[in-house]
Amino acid sequence: MRLVESKIIFFLVFTIISLWAFPLSSFALNMEKVLYKALQDNDRNQIDSLLKQGIDINKGNYLNNVALKKNKVLFQLLLDRGGDINQAQEGPPLIHESKNDVGRKTPLCLTVANFLSSKKQLQAIEGSDEWVAFLLSQGADPNSKCYGKYTPLMMVAGKGADPEGLSQWDRLEMAMKIIVLLMKNGADLDTRIDGFTAMDYAHETQNLDLVMFLKSLGASQ
C-alpha cells in the first residue's frame, strides 16, 4: 500500500513540476523569437528591453545575425549587454554555402565566409573590409577557428580570387585588403591546421595572385 501511495505522490509531484516548467520554457522560446524579430526590424527599444529581461545573447546566433547585416550600432549594443565576439555560433546559413560546411563560426568567420560565398552579389562584398576592421577593433580574434578547421586567413587565401564569383579582380582586391587587416591585428600566416597553412590553400585552389601576395608578406613556401 505504501508503495502505491509513494508512486501516486511521485506522479503528482512530477506533473506539477512539468506544468510549472513548460510555461517558462515556452515563454523563453517566445522571447527569443521576439528578439530575432526586433533585431531584424532594428527596433532598439524592444531589443534593449528584452536584453534587460535576461536573455543570454551567447546561446543564440544573435551576434552573427547582426554581423551579417553589418549594423555597428546593434552589434555594439549586443556586446555591451554581454555578447562574446569570439564565441562560435550556429548559423545563420549563407547563400551558396556548402551543406558540408555549415557549422559554428564567430562573427569574424561569418563575415569572411559571407564575402567568399557571395556569388555575383556586389552588395554582400562591398564594405567587407570595413566590417572586418570594425570586428577586429572590438576584440575579434584574427586566428579564431572557422567551421572548426580554418582560420579566416586560410579561408581568404583559398577562395579570395574565386573566378566563379563577381569580377575576379574585385574579389582579389577585397581579399588582399582583408588579409592585410588580419595580419595587422595578429593573424599568423604560417598557422597550420590539419597539416595545412594559408599558403597551402592558395596553392591548392591555384590562386596564383594570392600565392605571390602571401609570399610578399613573408609566408613560408
N, C-alpha and C. Protein backbone atom coordinates (compact mmCIF):
# COMPACT_ATOMS: atom_id res chain seq x y z
N MET A 1 0.82 -1.20 0.00
CA MET A 1 0.00 0.00 0.00
C MET A 1 0.86 1.26 0.00
N ARG A 2 1.90 1.25 0.83
CA ARG A 2 2.79 2.40 0.90
C ARG A 2 3.48 2.64 -0.44
N LEU A 3 3.81 1.53 -1.13
CA LEU A 3 4.47 1.64 -2.43
C LEU A 3 3.55 2.34 -3.44
N VAL A 4 2.29 1.98 -3.41
CA VAL A 4 1.31 2.60 -4.31
C VAL A 4 1.17 4.09 -4.01
N GLU A 5 1.10 4.42 -2.71
CA GLU A 5 0.97 5.82 -2.30
C GLU A 5 2.20 6.62 -2.74
N SER A 6 3.37 6.01 -2.61
CA SER A 6 4.62 6.69 -3.00
C SER A 6 4.62 6.98 -4.49
N LYS A 7 4.14 6.01 -5.29
CA LYS A 7 4.10 6.21 -6.73
C LYS A 7 3.12 7.32 -7.11
N ILE A 8 1.99 7.37 -6.42
CA ILE A 8 0.99 8.41 -6.70
C ILE A 8 1.56 9.78 -6.37
N ILE A 9 2.22 9.87 -5.20
CA ILE A 9 2.82 11.15 -4.78
C ILE A 9 3.88 11.59 -5.78
N PHE A 10 4.71 10.63 -6.21
CA PHE A 10 5.77 10.94 -7.18
C PHE A 10 5.16 11.45 -8.49
N PHE A 11 4.09 10.78 -8.93
CA PHE A 11 3.44 11.17 -10.18
C PHE A 11 2.86 12.58 -10.07
N LEU A 12 2.25 12.89 -8.95
CA LEU A 12 1.66 14.22 -8.75
C LEU A 12 2.73 15.30 -8.73
N VAL A 13 3.82 15.02 -8.01
CA VAL A 13 4.93 16.00 -7.94
C VAL A 13 5.52 16.22 -9.32
N PHE A 14 5.74 15.13 -10.06
CA PHE A 14 6.31 15.23 -11.42
C PHE A 14 5.40 16.04 -12.33
N THR A 15 4.09 15.80 -12.23
CA THR A 15 3.12 16.52 -13.06
C THR A 15 3.12 18.01 -12.75
N ILE A 16 3.15 18.35 -11.47
CA ILE A 16 3.15 19.76 -11.06
C ILE A 16 4.39 20.48 -11.57
N ILE A 17 5.55 19.81 -11.41
CA ILE A 17 6.81 20.41 -11.87
C ILE A 17 6.79 20.61 -13.38
N SER A 18 6.28 19.62 -14.11
CA SER A 18 6.23 19.70 -15.57
C SER A 18 5.34 20.84 -16.03
N LEU A 19 4.18 20.98 -15.39
CA LEU A 19 3.25 22.04 -15.75
C LEU A 19 3.81 23.41 -15.41
N TRP A 20 4.63 23.48 -14.37
CA TRP A 20 5.26 24.74 -13.96
C TRP A 20 6.40 25.12 -14.91
N ALA A 21 7.17 24.10 -15.32
CA ALA A 21 8.35 24.36 -16.15
C ALA A 21 7.98 24.65 -17.60
N PHE A 22 6.93 23.99 -18.12
CA PHE A 22 6.59 24.16 -19.54
C PHE A 22 6.28 25.60 -19.92
N PRO A 23 5.44 26.30 -19.13
CA PRO A 23 5.18 27.70 -19.49
C PRO A 23 6.43 28.56 -19.49
N LEU A 24 7.36 28.25 -18.58
CA LEU A 24 8.60 29.03 -18.52
C LEU A 24 9.43 28.82 -19.77
N SER A 25 9.58 27.55 -20.20
CA SER A 25 10.37 27.26 -21.39
C SER A 25 9.69 27.83 -22.63
N SER A 26 8.37 27.76 -22.67
CA SER A 26 7.62 28.31 -23.79
C SER A 26 7.78 29.83 -23.84
N PHE A 27 7.76 30.46 -22.66
CA PHE A 27 7.93 31.91 -22.57
C PHE A 27 9.32 32.32 -23.05
N ALA A 28 10.35 31.54 -22.64
CA ALA A 28 11.73 31.84 -23.05
C ALA A 28 11.88 31.72 -24.56
N LEU A 29 11.27 30.67 -25.14
CA LEU A 29 11.35 30.48 -26.59
C LEU A 29 10.68 31.63 -27.31
N ASN A 30 9.56 32.08 -26.80
CA ASN A 30 8.84 33.19 -27.42
C ASN A 30 9.67 34.47 -27.36
N MET A 31 10.36 34.69 -26.23
CA MET A 31 11.20 35.87 -26.08
C MET A 31 12.33 35.87 -27.11
N GLU A 32 12.89 34.68 -27.37
CA GLU A 32 13.96 34.57 -28.36
C GLU A 32 13.45 34.95 -29.75
N LYS A 33 12.26 34.48 -30.09
CA LYS A 33 11.68 34.81 -31.39
C LYS A 33 11.42 36.31 -31.50
N VAL A 34 10.95 36.90 -30.42
CA VAL A 34 10.69 38.34 -30.40
C VAL A 34 11.98 39.12 -30.58
N LEU A 35 13.06 38.63 -29.95
CA LEU A 35 14.35 39.32 -30.07
C LEU A 35 14.88 39.24 -31.51
N TYR A 36 14.77 38.06 -32.13
CA TYR A 36 15.21 37.94 -33.53
C TYR A 36 14.43 38.92 -34.42
N LYS A 37 13.14 39.03 -34.16
CA LYS A 37 12.30 39.94 -34.96
C LYS A 37 12.70 41.39 -34.70
N ALA A 38 12.98 41.72 -33.45
CA ALA A 38 13.39 43.09 -33.11
C ALA A 38 14.72 43.44 -33.78
N LEU A 39 15.64 42.47 -33.83
CA LEU A 39 16.93 42.68 -34.49
C LEU A 39 16.73 42.90 -35.99
N GLN A 40 15.82 42.12 -36.54
CA GLN A 40 15.53 42.25 -37.97
C GLN A 40 14.93 43.62 -38.29
N ASP A 41 14.08 44.11 -37.39
CA ASP A 41 13.40 45.39 -37.60
C ASP A 41 14.21 46.58 -37.10
N ASN A 42 15.37 46.30 -36.50
CA ASN A 42 16.22 47.36 -35.95
C ASN A 42 15.47 48.17 -34.88
N ASP A 43 14.67 47.46 -34.08
CA ASP A 43 13.88 48.10 -33.02
C ASP A 43 14.72 48.13 -31.74
N ARG A 44 15.47 49.20 -31.56
CA ARG A 44 16.45 49.25 -30.47
C ARG A 44 15.79 49.27 -29.09
N ASN A 45 14.66 49.94 -28.99
CA ASN A 45 13.97 49.98 -27.69
C ASN A 45 13.52 48.59 -27.26
N GLN A 46 12.95 47.85 -28.20
CA GLN A 46 12.50 46.50 -27.91
C GLN A 46 13.68 45.59 -27.60
N ILE A 47 14.76 45.74 -28.35
CA ILE A 47 15.97 44.94 -28.14
C ILE A 47 16.51 45.17 -26.73
N ASP A 48 16.66 46.45 -26.38
CA ASP A 48 17.21 46.79 -25.07
C ASP A 48 16.31 46.26 -23.95
N SER A 49 15.01 46.35 -24.13
CA SER A 49 14.06 45.86 -23.13
C SER A 49 14.18 44.36 -22.95
N LEU A 50 14.29 43.63 -24.05
CA LEU A 50 14.39 42.17 -23.99
C LEU A 50 15.71 41.73 -23.34
N LEU A 51 16.78 42.43 -23.68
CA LEU A 51 18.09 42.07 -23.12
C LEU A 51 18.12 42.31 -21.62
N LYS A 52 17.44 43.35 -21.17
CA LYS A 52 17.39 43.63 -19.74
C LYS A 52 16.61 42.57 -18.97
N GLN A 53 15.77 41.80 -19.70
CA GLN A 53 14.99 40.75 -19.06
C GLN A 53 15.79 39.45 -18.90
N GLY A 54 17.03 39.47 -19.37
CA GLY A 54 17.92 38.34 -19.07
C GLY A 54 18.15 37.34 -20.16
N ILE A 55 17.83 37.63 -21.41
CA ILE A 55 18.12 36.70 -22.50
C ILE A 55 19.63 36.55 -22.63
N ASP A 56 20.10 35.31 -22.74
CA ASP A 56 21.52 35.04 -22.90
C ASP A 56 21.89 35.20 -24.37
N ILE A 57 22.58 36.27 -24.68
CA ILE A 57 22.93 36.57 -26.07
C ILE A 57 23.78 35.48 -26.70
N ASN A 58 24.60 34.84 -25.89
CA ASN A 58 25.55 33.87 -26.42
C ASN A 58 24.97 32.47 -26.63
N LYS A 59 23.70 32.28 -26.30
CA LYS A 59 23.07 30.98 -26.54
C LYS A 59 22.44 30.89 -27.92
N GLY A 60 22.15 32.03 -28.51
CA GLY A 60 21.59 32.04 -29.86
C GLY A 60 22.64 32.47 -30.85
N ASN A 61 22.21 32.83 -32.06
CA ASN A 61 23.18 33.35 -33.03
C ASN A 61 22.87 34.82 -33.32
N TYR A 62 22.54 35.55 -32.25
CA TYR A 62 22.17 36.96 -32.37
C TYR A 62 23.31 37.80 -32.95
N LEU A 63 24.53 37.61 -32.42
CA LEU A 63 25.67 38.39 -32.91
C LEU A 63 25.91 38.13 -34.39
N ASN A 64 25.81 36.88 -34.80
CA ASN A 64 26.04 36.54 -36.20
C ASN A 64 24.98 37.15 -37.11
N ASN A 65 23.74 37.16 -36.64
CA ASN A 65 22.67 37.76 -37.44
C ASN A 65 22.92 39.25 -37.67
N VAL A 66 23.37 39.93 -36.62
CA VAL A 66 23.64 41.36 -36.75
C VAL A 66 24.90 41.59 -37.58
N ALA A 67 25.89 40.72 -37.41
CA ALA A 67 27.13 40.85 -38.20
C ALA A 67 26.83 40.71 -39.69
N LEU A 68 25.90 39.85 -40.02
CA LEU A 68 25.54 39.64 -41.42
C LEU A 68 24.95 40.90 -42.03
N LYS A 69 24.29 41.72 -41.19
CA LYS A 69 23.70 42.97 -41.67
C LYS A 69 24.68 44.14 -41.60
N LYS A 70 25.85 43.90 -40.97
CA LYS A 70 26.88 44.93 -40.82
C LYS A 70 26.33 46.17 -40.10
N ASN A 71 25.57 45.91 -39.04
CA ASN A 71 24.98 47.01 -38.26
C ASN A 71 25.82 47.26 -37.01
N LYS A 72 26.65 48.29 -37.05
CA LYS A 72 27.59 48.55 -35.96
C LYS A 72 26.88 48.92 -34.65
N VAL A 73 25.82 49.71 -34.76
CA VAL A 73 25.13 50.18 -33.55
C VAL A 73 24.51 49.00 -32.80
N LEU A 74 23.81 48.13 -33.52
CA LEU A 74 23.19 46.98 -32.87
C LEU A 74 24.24 46.00 -32.36
N PHE A 75 25.30 45.83 -33.13
CA PHE A 75 26.35 44.90 -32.71
C PHE A 75 27.00 45.39 -31.43
N GLN A 76 27.27 46.68 -31.35
CA GLN A 76 27.87 47.25 -30.15
C GLN A 76 26.94 47.10 -28.95
N LEU A 77 25.64 47.25 -29.20
CA LEU A 77 24.65 47.10 -28.14
C LEU A 77 24.69 45.67 -27.57
N LEU A 78 24.79 44.69 -28.45
CA LEU A 78 24.85 43.29 -28.00
C LEU A 78 26.15 43.02 -27.23
N LEU A 79 27.23 43.61 -27.69
CA LEU A 79 28.49 43.45 -26.96
C LEU A 79 28.40 44.08 -25.58
N ASP A 80 27.80 45.26 -25.50
CA ASP A 80 27.64 45.95 -24.22
C ASP A 80 26.76 45.17 -23.25
N ARG A 81 25.89 44.31 -23.78
CA ARG A 81 24.99 43.52 -22.94
C ARG A 81 25.53 42.11 -22.69
N GLY A 82 26.83 41.92 -22.96
CA GLY A 82 27.45 40.64 -22.61
C GLY A 82 27.75 39.72 -23.76
N GLY A 83 27.57 40.16 -24.99
CA GLY A 83 27.87 39.31 -26.14
C GLY A 83 29.36 39.01 -26.24
N ASP A 84 29.70 37.76 -26.57
CA ASP A 84 31.09 37.33 -26.71
C ASP A 84 31.44 37.29 -28.19
N ILE A 85 32.26 38.23 -28.64
CA ILE A 85 32.59 38.36 -30.06
C ILE A 85 33.37 37.17 -30.60
N ASN A 86 33.98 36.39 -29.70
CA ASN A 86 34.79 35.26 -30.14
C ASN A 86 34.14 33.90 -29.90
N GLN A 87 32.87 33.91 -29.56
CA GLN A 87 32.18 32.63 -29.38
C GLN A 87 31.58 32.18 -30.72
N ALA A 88 31.93 30.97 -31.12
CA ALA A 88 31.39 30.44 -32.37
C ALA A 88 29.92 30.09 -32.18
N GLN A 89 29.10 30.46 -33.15
CA GLN A 89 27.66 30.24 -33.09
C GLN A 89 27.19 29.50 -34.34
N GLU A 90 26.11 28.76 -34.20
CA GLU A 90 25.50 28.10 -35.35
C GLU A 90 24.72 29.13 -36.17
N GLY A 91 24.91 29.08 -37.49
CA GLY A 91 24.09 29.89 -38.37
C GLY A 91 24.40 31.38 -38.30
N PRO A 92 23.65 32.18 -39.05
CA PRO A 92 22.63 31.73 -40.00
C PRO A 92 23.27 31.18 -41.27
N PRO A 93 22.55 30.34 -42.04
CA PRO A 93 23.12 29.79 -43.27
C PRO A 93 23.38 30.90 -44.28
N LEU A 94 24.43 30.75 -45.06
CA LEU A 94 24.80 31.76 -46.04
C LEU A 94 24.43 31.32 -47.44
N ILE A 95 24.26 32.30 -48.32
CA ILE A 95 23.97 31.99 -49.72
C ILE A 95 25.15 31.22 -50.33
N HIS A 96 24.85 30.16 -51.04
CA HIS A 96 25.86 29.34 -51.72
C HIS A 96 26.80 28.63 -50.75
N GLU A 97 26.48 28.59 -49.47
CA GLU A 97 27.32 27.89 -48.51
C GLU A 97 27.09 26.39 -48.65
N SER A 98 28.16 25.65 -48.76
CA SER A 98 28.05 24.20 -48.90
C SER A 98 27.40 23.60 -47.67
N LYS A 99 26.50 22.62 -47.88
CA LYS A 99 25.84 21.98 -46.74
C LYS A 99 26.86 21.30 -45.84
N ASN A 100 27.97 20.86 -46.44
CA ASN A 100 29.01 20.19 -45.65
C ASN A 100 29.79 21.17 -44.79
N ASP A 101 29.69 22.46 -45.12
CA ASP A 101 30.47 23.47 -44.40
C ASP A 101 29.66 24.30 -43.42
N VAL A 102 28.35 24.06 -43.37
CA VAL A 102 27.53 24.80 -42.42
C VAL A 102 27.90 24.35 -41.01
N GLY A 103 28.38 25.26 -40.22
CA GLY A 103 28.81 24.89 -38.87
C GLY A 103 29.02 26.12 -38.02
N ARG A 104 29.74 25.93 -36.94
CA ARG A 104 29.93 27.02 -35.98
C ARG A 104 31.00 27.99 -36.46
N LYS A 105 30.67 29.27 -36.33
CA LYS A 105 31.61 30.30 -36.75
C LYS A 105 31.40 31.57 -35.92
N THR A 106 32.49 32.28 -35.69
CA THR A 106 32.43 33.54 -34.98
C THR A 106 31.93 34.62 -35.95
N PRO A 107 31.55 35.81 -35.43
CA PRO A 107 31.15 36.89 -36.34
C PRO A 107 32.22 37.22 -37.38
N LEU A 108 33.51 37.15 -37.01
CA LEU A 108 34.57 37.41 -37.97
C LEU A 108 34.59 36.33 -39.05
N CYS A 109 34.48 35.07 -38.64
CA CYS A 109 34.44 33.97 -39.60
C CYS A 109 33.24 34.12 -40.53
N LEU A 110 32.11 34.48 -39.96
CA LEU A 110 30.89 34.63 -40.74
C LEU A 110 31.05 35.72 -41.79
N THR A 111 31.68 36.84 -41.42
CA THR A 111 31.89 37.94 -42.35
C THR A 111 32.76 37.51 -43.51
N VAL A 112 33.84 36.81 -43.21
CA VAL A 112 34.73 36.32 -44.26
C VAL A 112 34.02 35.28 -45.13
N ALA A 113 33.30 34.37 -44.49
CA ALA A 113 32.59 33.33 -45.24
C ALA A 113 31.53 33.93 -46.14
N ASN A 114 30.84 34.98 -45.67
CA ASN A 114 29.81 35.62 -46.48
C ASN A 114 30.41 36.30 -47.70
N PHE A 115 31.54 36.94 -47.50
CA PHE A 115 32.24 37.57 -48.63
C PHE A 115 32.64 36.51 -49.66
N LEU A 116 33.14 35.39 -49.19
CA LEU A 116 33.63 34.36 -50.10
C LEU A 116 32.51 33.56 -50.76
N SER A 117 31.36 33.44 -50.10
CA SER A 117 30.28 32.61 -50.64
C SER A 117 29.30 33.41 -51.49
N SER A 118 29.49 34.72 -51.57
CA SER A 118 28.54 35.57 -52.29
C SER A 118 28.91 35.63 -53.77
N LYS A 119 28.21 34.87 -54.56
CA LYS A 119 28.46 34.83 -55.99
C LYS A 119 27.67 35.95 -56.68
N LYS A 120 28.38 36.82 -57.37
CA LYS A 120 27.76 37.86 -58.17
C LYS A 120 26.84 38.76 -57.36
N GLN A 121 27.17 38.95 -56.11
CA GLN A 121 26.36 39.84 -55.26
C GLN A 121 27.26 40.94 -54.71
N LEU A 122 27.30 42.04 -55.43
CA LEU A 122 28.21 43.13 -55.06
C LEU A 122 27.91 43.68 -53.67
N GLN A 123 26.63 43.73 -53.31
CA GLN A 123 26.26 44.30 -52.01
C GLN A 123 26.87 43.51 -50.85
N ALA A 124 26.94 42.19 -51.01
CA ALA A 124 27.50 41.35 -49.94
C ALA A 124 29.01 41.52 -49.84
N ILE A 125 29.64 41.89 -50.95
CA ILE A 125 31.10 42.02 -50.97
C ILE A 125 31.53 43.42 -50.51
N GLU A 126 30.80 44.44 -50.94
CA GLU A 126 31.16 45.81 -50.58
C GLU A 126 31.16 46.02 -49.06
N GLY A 127 32.17 46.69 -48.59
CA GLY A 127 32.24 47.01 -47.16
C GLY A 127 32.72 45.86 -46.29
N SER A 128 33.08 44.73 -46.89
CA SER A 128 33.54 43.58 -46.09
C SER A 128 34.81 43.93 -45.32
N ASP A 129 35.72 44.67 -45.97
CA ASP A 129 36.96 45.04 -45.29
C ASP A 129 36.69 45.98 -44.12
N GLU A 130 35.75 46.93 -44.30
CA GLU A 130 35.42 47.86 -43.21
C GLU A 130 34.79 47.11 -42.03
N TRP A 131 33.96 46.11 -42.34
CA TRP A 131 33.33 45.37 -41.26
C TRP A 131 34.34 44.49 -40.54
N VAL A 132 35.26 43.90 -41.27
CA VAL A 132 36.35 43.12 -40.66
C VAL A 132 37.16 44.02 -39.74
N ALA A 133 37.47 45.23 -40.21
CA ALA A 133 38.24 46.18 -39.39
C ALA A 133 37.48 46.52 -38.11
N PHE A 134 36.18 46.71 -38.22
CA PHE A 134 35.36 47.01 -37.04
C PHE A 134 35.39 45.86 -36.04
N LEU A 135 35.19 44.64 -36.51
CA LEU A 135 35.19 43.48 -35.62
C LEU A 135 36.54 43.32 -34.92
N LEU A 136 37.61 43.52 -35.66
CA LEU A 136 38.94 43.41 -35.07
C LEU A 136 39.15 44.49 -34.01
N SER A 137 38.61 45.69 -34.27
CA SER A 137 38.75 46.78 -33.29
C SER A 137 37.97 46.50 -32.02
N GLN A 138 36.98 45.60 -32.11
CA GLN A 138 36.17 45.24 -30.94
C GLN A 138 36.69 43.99 -30.23
N GLY A 139 37.84 43.49 -30.67
CA GLY A 139 38.45 42.37 -29.98
C GLY A 139 38.30 41.02 -30.65
N ALA A 140 37.84 40.99 -31.89
CA ALA A 140 37.72 39.70 -32.60
C ALA A 140 39.10 39.07 -32.76
N ASP A 141 39.19 37.77 -32.53
CA ASP A 141 40.45 37.03 -32.63
C ASP A 141 40.72 36.71 -34.10
N PRO A 142 41.81 37.27 -34.70
CA PRO A 142 42.10 37.03 -36.11
C PRO A 142 42.50 35.59 -36.40
N ASN A 143 42.83 34.83 -35.36
CA ASN A 143 43.22 33.42 -35.53
C ASN A 143 42.13 32.45 -35.08
N SER A 144 40.91 32.96 -34.93
CA SER A 144 39.81 32.10 -34.49
C SER A 144 39.55 31.01 -35.53
N LYS A 145 39.01 29.88 -35.07
CA LYS A 145 38.72 28.77 -35.98
C LYS A 145 37.34 28.95 -36.60
N CYS A 146 37.31 28.84 -37.91
CA CYS A 146 36.05 28.90 -38.66
C CYS A 146 35.65 27.48 -39.05
N TYR A 147 34.42 27.10 -38.74
CA TYR A 147 33.94 25.76 -39.02
C TYR A 147 34.79 24.69 -38.32
N GLY A 148 35.59 25.13 -37.35
CA GLY A 148 36.42 24.20 -36.60
C GLY A 148 37.65 23.72 -37.33
N LYS A 149 37.93 24.27 -38.54
CA LYS A 149 39.06 23.72 -39.31
C LYS A 149 39.85 24.73 -40.14
N TYR A 150 39.44 26.00 -40.16
CA TYR A 150 40.19 27.02 -40.89
C TYR A 150 40.36 28.26 -40.02
N THR A 151 41.39 29.07 -40.33
CA THR A 151 41.44 30.42 -39.80
C THR A 151 40.83 31.33 -40.87
N PRO A 152 40.42 32.55 -40.48
CA PRO A 152 39.91 33.47 -41.50
C PRO A 152 40.90 33.68 -42.64
N LEU A 153 42.18 33.74 -42.30
CA LEU A 153 43.20 33.97 -43.32
C LEU A 153 43.27 32.79 -44.29
N MET A 154 43.14 31.58 -43.79
CA MET A 154 43.14 30.40 -44.66
C MET A 154 41.98 30.45 -45.64
N MET A 155 40.82 30.87 -45.14
CA MET A 155 39.64 30.93 -45.99
C MET A 155 39.83 31.94 -47.12
N VAL A 156 40.34 33.11 -46.78
CA VAL A 156 40.54 34.15 -47.80
C VAL A 156 41.60 33.71 -48.79
N ALA A 157 42.67 33.11 -48.31
CA ALA A 157 43.75 32.67 -49.19
C ALA A 157 43.28 31.61 -50.18
N GLY A 158 42.36 30.77 -49.74
CA GLY A 158 41.91 29.69 -50.60
C GLY A 158 40.81 30.07 -51.57
N LYS A 159 40.05 31.12 -51.24
CA LYS A 159 38.88 31.44 -52.08
C LYS A 159 38.81 32.89 -52.53
N GLY A 160 39.78 33.69 -52.13
CA GLY A 160 39.69 35.13 -52.37
C GLY A 160 39.68 35.56 -53.82
N ALA A 161 40.23 34.74 -54.71
CA ALA A 161 40.26 35.11 -56.12
C ALA A 161 39.40 34.16 -56.95
N ASP A 162 38.37 33.63 -56.34
CA ASP A 162 37.48 32.66 -56.99
C ASP A 162 36.89 33.26 -58.27
N PRO A 163 37.26 32.72 -59.45
CA PRO A 163 36.76 33.30 -60.72
C PRO A 163 35.28 33.07 -60.95
N GLU A 164 34.65 32.20 -60.13
CA GLU A 164 33.22 31.95 -60.30
C GLU A 164 32.38 33.04 -59.64
N GLY A 165 33.04 33.91 -58.91
CA GLY A 165 32.31 34.96 -58.22
C GLY A 165 32.08 36.16 -59.11
N LEU A 166 32.12 37.35 -58.53
CA LEU A 166 31.98 38.59 -59.30
C LEU A 166 33.16 38.70 -60.26
N SER A 167 33.61 39.90 -60.49
CA SER A 167 34.87 40.05 -61.21
C SER A 167 35.97 39.47 -60.33
N GLN A 168 36.84 38.67 -60.93
CA GLN A 168 37.94 38.07 -60.17
C GLN A 168 38.77 39.16 -59.52
N TRP A 169 38.92 40.28 -60.18
CA TRP A 169 39.78 41.34 -59.66
C TRP A 169 39.13 42.06 -58.50
N ASP A 170 37.81 42.22 -58.55
CA ASP A 170 37.10 42.83 -57.42
C ASP A 170 37.28 41.98 -56.16
N ARG A 171 37.14 40.69 -56.33
CA ARG A 171 37.27 39.78 -55.20
C ARG A 171 38.71 39.73 -54.71
N LEU A 172 39.65 39.73 -55.65
CA LEU A 172 41.06 39.67 -55.28
C LEU A 172 41.47 40.91 -54.49
N GLU A 173 41.01 42.08 -54.94
CA GLU A 173 41.35 43.32 -54.23
C GLU A 173 40.81 43.29 -52.80
N MET A 174 39.55 42.84 -52.65
CA MET A 174 38.96 42.77 -51.32
C MET A 174 39.69 41.74 -50.46
N ALA A 175 40.05 40.62 -51.06
CA ALA A 175 40.77 39.58 -50.32
C ALA A 175 42.09 40.11 -49.79
N MET A 176 42.81 40.84 -50.60
CA MET A 176 44.10 41.40 -50.18
C MET A 176 43.91 42.39 -49.03
N LYS A 177 42.88 43.23 -49.12
CA LYS A 177 42.61 44.19 -48.04
C LYS A 177 42.33 43.46 -46.72
N ILE A 178 41.54 42.39 -46.80
CA ILE A 178 41.18 41.65 -45.59
C ILE A 178 42.40 40.94 -45.02
N ILE A 179 43.24 40.38 -45.88
CA ILE A 179 44.45 39.70 -45.42
C ILE A 179 45.36 40.69 -44.67
N VAL A 180 45.54 41.87 -45.22
CA VAL A 180 46.38 42.89 -44.58
C VAL A 180 45.80 43.27 -43.22
N LEU A 181 44.49 43.45 -43.15
CA LEU A 181 43.83 43.79 -41.89
C LEU A 181 44.04 42.69 -40.85
N LEU A 182 43.86 41.45 -41.26
CA LEU A 182 44.04 40.33 -40.34
C LEU A 182 45.46 40.27 -39.81
N MET A 183 46.42 40.47 -40.70
CA MET A 183 47.83 40.39 -40.29
C MET A 183 48.22 41.56 -39.38
N LYS A 184 47.69 42.73 -39.66
CA LYS A 184 47.98 43.89 -38.81
C LYS A 184 47.46 43.68 -37.39
N ASN A 185 46.47 42.82 -37.27
CA ASN A 185 45.87 42.56 -35.96
C ASN A 185 46.28 41.22 -35.37
N GLY A 186 47.38 40.66 -35.90
CA GLY A 186 47.96 39.49 -35.26
C GLY A 186 47.71 38.14 -35.90
N ALA A 187 47.11 38.10 -37.09
CA ALA A 187 46.90 36.81 -37.75
C ALA A 187 48.25 36.20 -38.12
N ASP A 188 48.38 34.91 -37.92
CA ASP A 188 49.63 34.20 -38.20
C ASP A 188 49.54 33.53 -39.58
N LEU A 189 50.39 33.99 -40.50
CA LEU A 189 50.40 33.45 -41.86
C LEU A 189 50.73 31.96 -41.90
N ASP A 190 51.56 31.52 -40.97
CA ASP A 190 52.06 30.15 -41.03
C ASP A 190 51.36 29.19 -40.07
N THR A 191 50.22 29.62 -39.51
CA THR A 191 49.43 28.70 -38.67
C THR A 191 49.07 27.47 -39.49
N ARG A 192 49.18 26.31 -38.85
CA ARG A 192 48.89 25.04 -39.55
C ARG A 192 47.76 24.32 -38.82
N ILE A 193 46.71 23.98 -39.56
CA ILE A 193 45.59 23.21 -39.01
C ILE A 193 45.40 21.98 -39.90
N ASP A 194 45.40 20.82 -39.27
CA ASP A 194 45.28 19.55 -40.03
C ASP A 194 46.33 19.47 -41.13
N GLY A 195 47.50 20.06 -40.88
CA GLY A 195 48.61 19.95 -41.83
C GLY A 195 48.65 21.02 -42.90
N PHE A 196 47.67 21.93 -42.93
CA PHE A 196 47.61 22.93 -44.00
C PHE A 196 47.79 24.35 -43.46
N THR A 197 48.45 25.19 -44.27
CA THR A 197 48.59 26.61 -43.97
C THR A 197 47.79 27.41 -44.99
N ALA A 198 47.75 28.73 -44.80
CA ALA A 198 47.06 29.59 -45.75
C ALA A 198 47.68 29.46 -47.14
N MET A 199 49.00 29.38 -47.19
CA MET A 199 49.68 29.23 -48.48
C MET A 199 49.30 27.93 -49.16
N ASP A 200 49.14 26.86 -48.39
CA ASP A 200 48.73 25.58 -48.97
C ASP A 200 47.37 25.71 -49.66
N TYR A 201 46.45 26.42 -49.01
CA TYR A 201 45.12 26.59 -49.60
C TYR A 201 45.18 27.44 -50.86
N ALA A 202 46.04 28.47 -50.86
CA ALA A 202 46.20 29.31 -52.05
C ALA A 202 46.74 28.48 -53.21
N HIS A 203 47.72 27.61 -52.93
CA HIS A 203 48.28 26.73 -53.95
C HIS A 203 47.23 25.73 -54.44
N GLU A 204 46.51 25.15 -53.48
CA GLU A 204 45.54 24.09 -53.81
C GLU A 204 44.46 24.58 -54.76
N THR A 205 44.03 25.81 -54.58
CA THR A 205 42.97 26.36 -55.44
C THR A 205 43.53 27.19 -56.59
N GLN A 206 44.86 27.16 -56.75
CA GLN A 206 45.54 27.82 -57.87
C GLN A 206 45.26 29.32 -57.93
N ASN A 207 45.16 29.94 -56.76
CA ASN A 207 45.04 31.39 -56.68
C ASN A 207 46.44 32.00 -56.77
N LEU A 208 47.00 32.02 -57.99
CA LEU A 208 48.40 32.41 -58.15
C LEU A 208 48.67 33.85 -57.70
N ASP A 209 47.68 34.71 -57.90
CA ASP A 209 47.87 36.10 -57.45
C ASP A 209 48.01 36.16 -55.93
N LEU A 210 47.20 35.37 -55.24
CA LEU A 210 47.29 35.36 -53.79
C LEU A 210 48.54 34.63 -53.32
N VAL A 211 49.00 33.64 -54.06
CA VAL A 211 50.25 32.97 -53.71
C VAL A 211 51.38 34.00 -53.70
N MET A 212 51.46 34.78 -54.75
CA MET A 212 52.52 35.80 -54.84
C MET A 212 52.35 36.86 -53.75
N PHE A 213 51.09 37.22 -53.46
CA PHE A 213 50.83 38.23 -52.43
C PHE A 213 51.26 37.72 -51.07
N LEU A 214 50.92 36.48 -50.76
CA LEU A 214 51.30 35.89 -49.46
C LEU A 214 52.83 35.78 -49.35
N LYS A 215 53.47 35.46 -50.45
CA LYS A 215 54.94 35.39 -50.43
C LYS A 215 55.54 36.77 -50.12
N SER A 216 54.93 37.81 -50.70
CA SER A 216 55.45 39.16 -50.46
C SER A 216 55.26 39.59 -49.01
N LEU A 217 54.31 38.93 -48.32
CA LEU A 217 54.06 39.24 -46.91
C LEU A 217 54.89 38.37 -45.97
N GLY A 218 55.65 37.44 -46.56
CA GLY A 218 56.56 36.64 -45.75
C GLY A 218 56.08 35.25 -45.42
N ALA A 219 55.07 34.75 -46.13
CA ALA A 219 54.57 33.40 -45.87
C ALA A 219 55.61 32.37 -46.26
N SER A 220 55.70 31.29 -45.50
CA SER A 220 56.62 30.20 -45.83
C SER A 220 56.11 29.50 -47.08
N GLN A 221 57.03 28.89 -47.78
CA GLN A 221 56.67 28.17 -49.02
C GLN A 221 55.81 26.96 -48.73
